[in-house]
Amino acid sequence: MLSTARVGFPHGVVRLIMDGLVPAVVGDDVIAEIRSRERNGLVELPKLHGLKPGMRVRVISGPLSEQIGMLAALRPHERVLVLLQLLGGQQRVELARSSIEVVE
């Protein structure tokens, strides 16, 4: 883990998002959305629709549609890791968040 004091960034900043050799340009709408989630100096991250590892889920789209498995992990960029019984064993499959639903 990088020390923020050592590299000279403000408290809590580890590194900048770069576009080649220069810092990336972020649109005003993105900045406004992030600022709208600030509470008491901290930014609240979006909730992932109540999903938690260990939940039973069903794949609702794609070639694995109708398979039921267990949610193993939440991934960045609206992705999830699901454990499915495939090919005679348990397989980890990374899917779009929108391609699963919780099984009641």
N, C-alpha and C. Protein backbone atom coordinates (compact mmCIF):
# COMPACT_ATOMS: atom_id res chain seq x y z
N MET A 1 0.84 -1.18 0.00
CA MET A 1 0.00 0.00 0.00
C MET A 1 0.88 1.24 0.00
N LEU A 2 0.52 2.21 -0.77
CA LEU A 2 1.30 3.43 -0.85
C LEU A 2 1.00 4.35 0.32
N SER A 3 2.00 5.01 0.80
CA SER A 3 1.80 6.02 1.85
C SER A 3 1.48 7.34 1.17
N THR A 4 0.36 7.95 1.56
CA THR A 4 -0.04 9.21 0.93
C THR A 4 0.93 10.33 1.28
N ALA A 5 1.50 10.30 2.48
CA ALA A 5 2.41 11.36 2.89
C ALA A 5 3.69 11.32 2.07
N ARG A 6 4.14 10.13 1.72
CA ARG A 6 5.40 9.98 1.01
C ARG A 6 5.32 10.53 -0.41
N VAL A 7 4.19 10.40 -1.08
CA VAL A 7 4.11 10.85 -2.47
C VAL A 7 3.54 12.26 -2.61
N GLY A 8 3.13 12.88 -1.53
CA GLY A 8 2.70 14.27 -1.58
C GLY A 8 1.26 14.52 -1.98
N PHE A 9 0.40 13.50 -2.00
CA PHE A 9 -1.01 13.69 -2.30
C PHE A 9 -1.77 14.10 -1.05
N PRO A 10 -2.95 14.70 -1.20
CA PRO A 10 -3.80 15.02 -0.04
C PRO A 10 -4.18 13.75 0.72
N HIS A 11 -4.56 13.91 1.97
CA HIS A 11 -4.94 12.77 2.81
C HIS A 11 -5.98 11.89 2.11
N GLY A 12 -5.75 10.59 2.07
CA GLY A 12 -6.69 9.65 1.48
C GLY A 12 -6.47 9.38 0.00
N VAL A 13 -5.62 10.13 -0.67
CA VAL A 13 -5.36 9.91 -2.10
C VAL A 13 -4.16 9.00 -2.24
N VAL A 14 -4.32 7.90 -2.96
CA VAL A 14 -3.22 6.97 -3.15
C VAL A 14 -2.50 7.24 -4.46
N ARG A 15 -3.26 7.47 -5.53
CA ARG A 15 -2.67 7.80 -6.83
C ARG A 15 -3.72 8.45 -7.72
N LEU A 16 -3.27 9.08 -8.78
CA LEU A 16 -4.17 9.72 -9.73
C LEU A 16 -4.50 8.76 -10.86
N ILE A 17 -5.68 8.91 -11.43
CA ILE A 17 -6.03 8.16 -12.63
C ILE A 17 -5.40 8.90 -13.79
N MET A 18 -4.61 8.17 -14.57
CA MET A 18 -3.83 8.81 -15.62
C MET A 18 -4.36 8.44 -17.00
N ASP A 19 -4.14 9.34 -17.94
CA ASP A 19 -4.40 9.12 -19.35
C ASP A 19 -3.04 9.25 -20.04
N GLY A 20 -2.34 8.16 -20.07
CA GLY A 20 -0.96 8.20 -20.56
C GLY A 20 -0.07 8.83 -19.51
N LEU A 21 0.57 9.95 -19.86
CA LEU A 21 1.49 10.61 -18.93
C LEU A 21 0.86 11.79 -18.20
N VAL A 22 -0.41 12.07 -18.48
CA VAL A 22 -1.08 13.21 -17.84
C VAL A 22 -2.31 12.72 -17.06
N PRO A 23 -2.71 13.47 -16.04
CA PRO A 23 -3.93 13.07 -15.31
C PRO A 23 -5.14 13.06 -16.24
N ALA A 24 -6.03 12.07 -16.05
CA ALA A 24 -7.23 11.93 -16.87
C ALA A 24 -8.20 13.08 -16.59
N VAL A 25 -8.93 13.49 -17.61
CA VAL A 25 -9.95 14.52 -17.48
C VAL A 25 -11.25 13.83 -17.07
N VAL A 26 -11.87 14.34 -16.01
CA VAL A 26 -13.13 13.78 -15.52
C VAL A 26 -14.21 14.83 -15.72
N GLY A 27 -15.32 14.42 -16.32
CA GLY A 27 -16.40 15.36 -16.62
C GLY A 27 -17.03 15.96 -15.38
N ASP A 28 -17.56 17.17 -15.53
CA ASP A 28 -18.22 17.87 -14.42
C ASP A 28 -19.39 17.07 -13.85
N ASP A 29 -20.12 16.34 -14.72
CA ASP A 29 -21.26 15.54 -14.26
C ASP A 29 -20.80 14.42 -13.33
N VAL A 30 -19.65 13.82 -13.62
CA VAL A 30 -19.11 12.75 -12.76
C VAL A 30 -18.71 13.33 -11.41
N ILE A 31 -18.03 14.45 -11.43
CA ILE A 31 -17.61 15.11 -10.18
C ILE A 31 -18.83 15.49 -9.35
N ALA A 32 -19.87 16.04 -9.98
CA ALA A 32 -21.08 16.44 -9.27
C ALA A 32 -21.76 15.23 -8.63
N GLU A 33 -21.79 14.11 -9.34
CA GLU A 33 -22.42 12.90 -8.80
C GLU A 33 -21.65 12.38 -7.59
N ILE A 34 -20.33 12.39 -7.66
CA ILE A 34 -19.51 11.95 -6.53
C ILE A 34 -19.72 12.89 -5.34
N ARG A 35 -19.71 14.18 -5.59
CA ARG A 35 -19.93 15.15 -4.51
C ARG A 35 -21.31 15.01 -3.88
N SER A 36 -22.31 14.60 -4.65
CA SER A 36 -23.67 14.45 -4.11
C SER A 36 -23.75 13.30 -3.09
N ARG A 37 -22.79 12.38 -3.13
CA ARG A 37 -22.77 11.25 -2.20
C ARG A 37 -21.89 11.50 -0.98
N GLU A 38 -21.31 12.70 -0.88
CA GLU A 38 -20.43 13.02 0.25
C GLU A 38 -21.25 13.24 1.51
N ARG A 39 -20.87 12.57 2.58
CA ARG A 39 -21.51 12.72 3.88
C ARG A 39 -20.44 12.84 4.95
N ASN A 40 -20.38 13.99 5.62
CA ASN A 40 -19.42 14.21 6.70
C ASN A 40 -17.98 13.96 6.26
N GLY A 41 -17.64 14.40 5.07
CA GLY A 41 -16.27 14.27 4.59
C GLY A 41 -15.94 12.95 3.92
N LEU A 42 -16.88 12.01 3.87
CA LEU A 42 -16.65 10.71 3.23
C LEU A 42 -17.65 10.51 2.11
N VAL A 43 -17.25 9.81 1.06
CA VAL A 43 -18.14 9.52 -0.06
C VAL A 43 -18.75 8.14 0.16
N GLU A 44 -20.09 8.09 0.19
CA GLU A 44 -20.78 6.81 0.33
C GLU A 44 -20.77 6.11 -1.02
N LEU A 45 -20.36 4.85 -1.03
CA LEU A 45 -20.35 4.07 -2.25
C LEU A 45 -21.75 3.56 -2.55
N PRO A 46 -22.07 3.38 -3.84
CA PRO A 46 -23.41 2.90 -4.18
C PRO A 46 -23.64 1.49 -3.64
N LYS A 47 -24.87 1.23 -3.22
CA LYS A 47 -25.25 -0.10 -2.74
C LYS A 47 -25.46 -1.01 -3.94
N LEU A 48 -25.10 -2.27 -3.80
CA LEU A 48 -25.26 -3.23 -4.89
C LEU A 48 -26.53 -4.03 -4.70
N HIS A 49 -27.66 -3.33 -4.59
CA HIS A 49 -28.98 -3.95 -4.59
C HIS A 49 -29.13 -5.03 -3.52
N GLY A 50 -28.45 -4.87 -2.39
CA GLY A 50 -28.61 -5.82 -1.31
C GLY A 50 -27.93 -7.16 -1.52
N LEU A 51 -27.11 -7.29 -2.53
CA LEU A 51 -26.40 -8.55 -2.76
C LEU A 51 -25.29 -8.73 -1.74
N LYS A 52 -25.16 -9.96 -1.26
CA LYS A 52 -24.09 -10.29 -0.33
C LYS A 52 -23.54 -11.67 -0.69
N PRO A 53 -22.22 -11.84 -0.58
CA PRO A 53 -21.66 -13.17 -0.82
C PRO A 53 -22.37 -14.22 0.03
N GLY A 54 -22.58 -15.39 -0.57
CA GLY A 54 -23.27 -16.48 0.10
C GLY A 54 -24.72 -16.62 -0.33
N MET A 55 -25.28 -15.60 -0.98
CA MET A 55 -26.67 -15.66 -1.43
C MET A 55 -26.80 -16.62 -2.62
N ARG A 56 -27.94 -17.31 -2.70
CA ARG A 56 -28.25 -18.13 -3.87
C ARG A 56 -28.77 -17.22 -4.96
N VAL A 57 -28.24 -17.40 -6.17
CA VAL A 57 -28.63 -16.57 -7.29
C VAL A 57 -28.92 -17.44 -8.51
N ARG A 58 -29.71 -16.88 -9.43
CA ARG A 58 -30.03 -17.52 -10.71
C ARG A 58 -29.48 -16.65 -11.83
N VAL A 59 -28.86 -17.27 -12.81
CA VAL A 59 -28.42 -16.55 -13.99
C VAL A 59 -29.65 -16.34 -14.87
N ILE A 60 -29.89 -15.11 -15.28
CA ILE A 60 -31.13 -14.80 -16.02
C ILE A 60 -30.89 -14.43 -17.48
N SER A 61 -29.62 -14.39 -17.89
CA SER A 61 -29.35 -14.09 -19.30
C SER A 61 -28.04 -14.74 -19.72
N GLY A 62 -27.87 -14.89 -21.01
CA GLY A 62 -26.64 -15.44 -21.55
C GLY A 62 -26.68 -16.95 -21.65
N PRO A 63 -25.57 -17.55 -22.05
CA PRO A 63 -25.52 -19.00 -22.27
C PRO A 63 -25.71 -19.84 -21.01
N LEU A 64 -25.53 -19.25 -19.85
CA LEU A 64 -25.71 -19.98 -18.58
C LEU A 64 -27.07 -19.72 -17.96
N SER A 65 -27.98 -19.13 -18.73
CA SER A 65 -29.31 -18.80 -18.24
C SER A 65 -29.97 -19.98 -17.56
N GLU A 66 -30.63 -19.70 -16.43
CA GLU A 66 -31.36 -20.66 -15.58
C GLU A 66 -30.47 -21.49 -14.66
N GLN A 67 -29.16 -21.32 -14.74
CA GLN A 67 -28.28 -22.00 -13.78
C GLN A 67 -28.42 -21.31 -12.43
N ILE A 68 -28.41 -22.11 -11.36
CA ILE A 68 -28.48 -21.57 -10.00
C ILE A 68 -27.15 -21.84 -9.31
N GLY A 69 -26.66 -20.84 -8.62
CA GLY A 69 -25.38 -20.97 -7.94
C GLY A 69 -25.33 -20.09 -6.71
N MET A 70 -24.12 -19.88 -6.22
CA MET A 70 -23.91 -19.06 -5.02
C MET A 70 -23.05 -17.85 -5.39
N LEU A 71 -23.48 -16.69 -4.91
CA LEU A 71 -22.71 -15.47 -5.12
C LEU A 71 -21.44 -15.56 -4.27
N ALA A 72 -20.30 -15.54 -4.93
CA ALA A 72 -19.02 -15.66 -4.22
C ALA A 72 -18.43 -14.30 -3.88
N ALA A 73 -18.57 -13.32 -4.78
CA ALA A 73 -17.95 -12.01 -4.54
C ALA A 73 -18.57 -10.95 -5.43
N LEU A 74 -18.55 -9.72 -4.94
CA LEU A 74 -18.95 -8.54 -5.72
C LEU A 74 -17.67 -7.97 -6.31
N ARG A 75 -17.69 -7.68 -7.58
CA ARG A 75 -16.51 -7.16 -8.28
C ARG A 75 -16.75 -5.73 -8.71
N PRO A 76 -15.69 -5.01 -9.06
CA PRO A 76 -15.86 -3.65 -9.58
C PRO A 76 -16.59 -3.66 -10.92
N HIS A 77 -17.08 -2.51 -11.30
CA HIS A 77 -17.70 -2.27 -12.61
C HIS A 77 -18.94 -3.12 -12.83
N GLU A 78 -19.79 -3.24 -11.76
CA GLU A 78 -21.06 -3.96 -11.87
C GLU A 78 -20.88 -5.41 -12.31
N ARG A 79 -19.84 -6.06 -11.78
CA ARG A 79 -19.58 -7.47 -12.07
C ARG A 79 -19.73 -8.27 -10.78
N VAL A 80 -20.01 -9.57 -10.91
CA VAL A 80 -20.12 -10.48 -9.77
C VAL A 80 -19.41 -11.78 -10.10
N LEU A 81 -18.96 -12.47 -9.06
CA LEU A 81 -18.36 -13.79 -9.21
C LEU A 81 -19.34 -14.79 -8.63
N VAL A 82 -19.75 -15.77 -9.44
CA VAL A 82 -20.75 -16.75 -9.04
C VAL A 82 -20.14 -18.15 -9.13
N LEU A 83 -20.43 -18.99 -8.13
CA LEU A 83 -20.01 -20.38 -8.16
C LEU A 83 -21.15 -21.21 -8.73
N LEU A 84 -20.89 -21.93 -9.83
CA LEU A 84 -21.89 -22.76 -10.48
C LEU A 84 -21.38 -24.20 -10.57
N GLN A 85 -22.31 -25.15 -10.50
CA GLN A 85 -21.97 -26.55 -10.73
C GLN A 85 -21.98 -26.80 -12.24
N LEU A 86 -20.81 -26.90 -12.82
CA LEU A 86 -20.67 -27.09 -14.27
C LEU A 86 -19.56 -28.10 -14.54
N LEU A 87 -19.71 -28.88 -15.58
CA LEU A 87 -18.66 -29.79 -16.03
C LEU A 87 -18.16 -30.70 -14.91
N GLY A 88 -19.09 -31.17 -14.09
CA GLY A 88 -18.74 -32.11 -13.04
C GLY A 88 -18.06 -31.51 -11.82
N GLY A 89 -18.06 -30.22 -11.69
CA GLY A 89 -17.43 -29.59 -10.53
C GLY A 89 -17.89 -28.16 -10.36
N GLN A 90 -17.44 -27.54 -9.28
CA GLN A 90 -17.81 -26.16 -9.01
C GLN A 90 -16.89 -25.23 -9.78
N GLN A 91 -17.47 -24.34 -10.57
CA GLN A 91 -16.70 -23.41 -11.40
C GLN A 91 -17.01 -21.97 -11.01
N ARG A 92 -15.99 -21.13 -10.97
CA ARG A 92 -16.17 -19.69 -10.74
C ARG A 92 -16.43 -19.03 -12.09
N VAL A 93 -17.49 -18.25 -12.14
CA VAL A 93 -17.87 -17.56 -13.37
C VAL A 93 -18.08 -16.10 -13.05
N GLU A 94 -17.42 -15.21 -13.79
CA GLU A 94 -17.63 -13.77 -13.60
C GLU A 94 -18.69 -13.31 -14.60
N LEU A 95 -19.70 -12.62 -14.07
CA LEU A 95 -20.84 -12.19 -14.87
C LEU A 95 -21.16 -10.73 -14.61
N ALA A 96 -21.95 -10.14 -15.50
CA ALA A 96 -22.48 -8.81 -15.26
C ALA A 96 -23.50 -8.88 -14.13
N ARG A 97 -23.54 -7.89 -13.27
CA ARG A 97 -24.50 -7.85 -12.16
C ARG A 97 -25.93 -7.99 -12.68
N SER A 98 -26.19 -7.40 -13.82
CA SER A 98 -27.55 -7.42 -14.39
C SER A 98 -27.96 -8.80 -14.90
N SER A 99 -27.06 -9.75 -14.96
CA SER A 99 -27.40 -11.07 -15.50
C SER A 99 -27.75 -12.08 -14.41
N ILE A 100 -27.88 -11.63 -13.14
CA ILE A 100 -28.29 -12.53 -12.07
C ILE A 100 -29.45 -11.93 -11.28
N GLU A 101 -30.17 -12.82 -10.57
CA GLU A 101 -31.19 -12.39 -9.62
C GLU A 101 -31.12 -13.30 -8.40
N VAL A 102 -31.53 -12.77 -7.26
CA VAL A 102 -31.52 -13.54 -6.02
C VAL A 102 -32.62 -14.58 -6.08
N VAL A 103 -32.31 -15.81 -5.62
CA VAL A 103 -33.29 -16.89 -5.54
C VAL A 103 -33.84 -16.87 -4.12
N GLU A 104 -35.16 -16.77 -4.01
CA GLU A 104 -35.82 -16.73 -2.68
C GLU A 104 -35.90 -18.10 -2.08
